[in-house]
C-alpha atoms as a PDB file:
ATOM      1  CA  UNK A   1       0.000   0.000   0.000  1.00  0.00           C
ATOM      2  CA  UNK A   2       1.270   3.454  -0.899  1.00  0.00           C
ATOM      3  CA  UNK A   3      -0.077   6.653   0.561  1.00  0.00           C
ATOM      4  CA  UNK A   4       0.227   9.870  -1.407  1.00  0.00           C
ATOM      5  CA  UNK A   5       0.058  12.642   1.167  1.00  0.00           C
ATOM      6  CA  UNK A   6      -0.656  16.316   0.477  1.00  0.00           C
ATOM      7  CA  UNK A   7      -0.058  18.571   3.461  1.00  0.00           C
ATOM      8  CA  UNK A   8      -1.716  21.979   3.637  1.00  0.00           C
ATOM      9  CA  UNK A   9      -1.178  24.941   5.911  1.00  0.00           C
ATOM     10  CA  UNK A  10      -4.305  27.069   5.862  1.00  0.00           C
ATOM     11  CA  UNK A  11      -4.655  30.505   7.413  1.00  0.00           C
ATOM     12  CA  UNK A  12      -7.225  30.724  10.184  1.00  0.00           C
ATOM     13  CA  UNK A  13      -9.453  33.193   8.319  1.00  0.00           C
ATOM     14  CA  UNK A  14     -10.426  30.596   5.675  1.00  0.00           C
ATOM     15  CA  UNK A  15      -9.934  27.355   7.629  1.00  0.00           C
ATOM     16  CA  UNK A  16     -13.595  26.449   8.159  1.00  0.00           C
ATOM     17  CA  UNK A  17     -14.730  27.260   4.603  1.00  0.00           C
ATOM     18  CA  UNK A  18     -11.617  25.603   3.141  1.00  0.00           C
ATOM     19  CA  UNK A  19     -12.162  22.320   5.037  1.00  0.00           C
ATOM     20  CA  UNK A  20     -15.901  22.239   4.235  1.00  0.00           C
ATOM     21  CA  UNK A  21     -15.283  22.860   0.535  1.00  0.00           C
ATOM     22  CA  UNK A  22     -12.659  20.126   0.409  1.00  0.00           C
ATOM     23  CA  UNK A  23     -14.960  17.709   2.242  1.00  0.00           C
ATOM     24  CA  UNK A  24     -18.094  18.376   0.188  1.00  0.00           C
ATOM     25  CA  UNK A  25     -16.916  19.381  -3.258  1.00  0.00           C
ATOM     26  CA  UNK A  26     -13.539  17.797  -3.982  1.00  0.00           C
ATOM     27  CA  UNK A  27     -12.720  14.651  -2.036  1.00  0.00           C
ATOM     28  CA  UNK A  28     -15.878  12.623  -2.791  1.00  0.00           C
ATOM     29  CA  UNK A  29     -15.147  12.762  -6.538  1.00  0.00           C
ATOM     30  CA  UNK A  30     -11.426  12.083  -6.170  1.00  0.00           C
ATOM     31  CA  UNK A  31     -12.169   9.178  -3.850  1.00  0.00           C
ATOM     32  CA  UNK A  32     -13.795   7.260  -6.699  1.00  0.00           C
ATOM     33  CA  UNK A  33     -10.364   6.729  -8.262  1.00  0.00           C
ATOM     34  CA  UNK A  34      -8.420   5.394  -5.278  1.00  0.00           C
ATOM     35  CA  UNK A  35      -8.874   2.838  -2.522  1.00  0.00           C
ATOM     36  CA  UNK A  36      -9.525   5.451   0.193  1.00  0.00           C
ATOM     37  CA  UNK A  37      -8.960   9.124   1.005  1.00  0.00           C
ATOM     38  CA  UNK A  38      -8.531  10.486   4.514  1.00  0.00           C
ATOM     39  CA  UNK A  39      -8.733  14.144   5.520  1.00  0.00           C
ATOM     40  CA  UNK A  40      -6.771  14.748   8.710  1.00  0.00           C
ATOM     41  CA  UNK A  41      -6.269  17.820  10.857  1.00  0.00           C
ATOM     42  CA  UNK A  42      -2.773  18.000  12.316  1.00  0.00           C
ATOM     43  CA  UNK A  43      -2.116  19.317  15.793  1.00  0.00           C
ATOM     44  CA  UNK A  44       1.543  19.768  16.642  1.00  0.00           C
ATOM     45  CA  UNK A  45       2.382  18.492  20.092  1.00  0.00           C
ATOM     46  CA  UNK A  46       6.007  19.622  20.154  1.00  0.00           C
ATOM     47  CA  UNK A  47       8.885  20.676  17.961  1.00  0.00           C
ATOM     48  CA  UNK A  48       7.116  23.128  15.646  1.00  0.00           C
ATOM     49  CA  UNK A  49       6.265  26.567  16.906  1.00  0.00           C
ATOM     50  CA  UNK A  50       6.397  28.779  13.829  1.00  0.00           C
ATOM     51  CA  UNK A  51       3.426  27.424  11.879  1.00  0.00           C
ATOM     52  CA  UNK A  52       0.808  30.131  11.478  1.00  0.00           C
ATOM     53  CA  UNK A  53      -2.494  28.612  10.517  1.00  0.00           C
ATOM     54  CA  UNK A  54      -3.999  25.144  10.652  1.00  0.00           C
ATOM     55  CA  UNK A  55      -2.332  22.117   9.124  1.00  0.00           C
ATOM     56  CA  UNK A  56      -4.306  19.441   7.294  1.00  0.00           C
ATOM     57  CA  UNK A  57      -3.303  16.398   5.291  1.00  0.00           C
ATOM     58  CA  UNK A  58      -5.154  14.620   2.537  1.00  0.00           C
ATOM     59  CA  UNK A  59      -4.002  11.034   2.228  1.00  0.00           C
ATOM     60  CA  UNK A  60      -4.717   9.001  -0.897  1.00  0.00           C
ATOM     61  CA  UNK A  61      -4.440   5.263  -0.228  1.00  0.00           C
ATOM     62  CA  UNK A  62      -3.349   3.451  -3.380  1.00  0.00           C
ATOM     63  CA  UNK A  63      -3.298  -0.323  -3.699  1.00  0.00           C
ATOM     64  CA  UNK A  64      -1.424  -0.477  -7.005  1.00  0.00           C
ATOM     65  CA  UNK A  65       0.932   1.507  -9.219  1.00  0.00           C
ATOM     66  CA  UNK A  66      -1.882   2.669 -11.503  1.00  0.00           C
ATOM     67  CA  UNK A  67      -3.653   4.369  -8.586  1.00  0.00           C
ATOM     68  CA  UNK A  68      -0.510   6.116  -7.376  1.00  0.00           C
ATOM     69  CA  UNK A  69       0.231   7.205 -10.958  1.00  0.00           C
ATOM     70  CA  UNK A  70      -3.306   8.630 -11.287  1.00  0.00           C
ATOM     71  CA  UNK A  71      -2.936  10.571  -8.031  1.00  0.00           C
ATOM     72  CA  UNK A  72       0.485  11.971  -8.959  1.00  0.00           C
ATOM     73  CA  UNK A  73      -0.450  12.941 -12.510  1.00  0.00           C
ATOM     74  CA  UNK A  74      -4.146  13.809 -12.274  1.00  0.00           C
ATOM     75  CA  UNK A  75      -5.738  13.701  -8.804  1.00  0.00           C
ATOM     76  CA  UNK A  76      -3.171  15.926  -7.123  1.00  0.00           C
ATOM     77  CA  UNK A  77      -3.504  18.528  -9.880  1.00  0.00           C
ATOM     78  CA  UNK A  78      -7.313  18.494  -9.726  1.00  0.00           C
ATOM     79  CA  UNK A  79      -7.145  18.974  -5.965  1.00  0.00           C
ATOM     80  CA  UNK A  80      -4.824  21.976  -6.177  1.00  0.00           C
ATOM     81  CA  UNK A  81      -6.607  23.580  -9.138  1.00  0.00           C
ATOM     82  CA  UNK A  82     -10.042  23.405  -7.519  1.00  0.00           C
ATOM     83  CA  UNK A  83      -8.715  24.793  -4.255  1.00  0.00           C
ATOM     84  CA  UNK A  84      -6.875  27.570  -6.061  1.00  0.00           C
ATOM     85  CA  UNK A  85     -10.009  28.587  -7.982  1.00  0.00           C
ATOM     86  CA  UNK A  86     -12.006  28.907  -4.761  1.00  0.00           C
ATOM     87  CA  UNK A  87      -9.223  30.131  -2.428  1.00  0.00           C
ATOM     88  CA  UNK A  88      -6.580  31.953  -4.431  1.00  0.00           C
ATOM     89  CA  UNK A  89      -4.446  32.728  -1.391  1.00  0.00           C
ATOM     90  CA  UNK A  90      -4.084  32.071   2.349  1.00  0.00           C
ATOM     91  CA  UNK A  91      -2.859  28.474   2.001  1.00  0.00           C
ATOM     92  CA  UNK A  92       0.181  26.479   0.878  1.00  0.00           C
ATOM     93  CA  UNK A  93       0.667  22.802   0.076  1.00  0.00           C
ATOM     94  CA  UNK A  94       3.379  20.200  -0.389  1.00  0.00           C
ATOM     95  CA  UNK A  95       3.248  16.509  -1.296  1.00  0.00           C
ATOM     96  CA  UNK A  96       5.009  13.409  -0.052  1.00  0.00           C
ATOM     97  CA  UNK A  97       4.728   9.693  -0.744  1.00  0.00           C
ATOM     98  CA  UNK A  98       4.495   7.280   2.170  1.00  0.00           C
ATOM     99  CA  UNK A  99       5.177   3.612   1.640  1.00  0.00           C
ATOM    100  CA  UNK A 100       3.594   1.166   4.045  1.00  0.00           C
ATOM    101  CA  UNK A 101       6.215  -1.106   5.573  1.00  0.00           C
ATOM    102  CA  UNK A 102       4.619  -2.963   8.465  1.00  0.00           C
ATOM    103  CA  UNK A 103       2.086  -2.713  11.282  1.00  0.00           C
ATOM    104  CA  UNK A 104       3.071  -3.663  14.838  1.00  0.00           C
END
């Protein structure tokens, strides 16, 4: 299982509208193309003090290479484009790929 993770830092002034729009308008459609999508709100417990805004992650769970390829080439771009059309500023994003190794 591979997880394609997009992390967002969203300014407080748009946080509620941003999360609701993502939840209602974007993720349900994108979820049809992957095994599962999770929307997570990140709360820093220690080590990071300079983040201004709220941090979220969107995790795309992909069971094969075709799914991960779709997310990298299409799904990720759709996500960013739709968010940018609605919220042109007050947020940033970066992506990472997580590879499942083992559960304990």
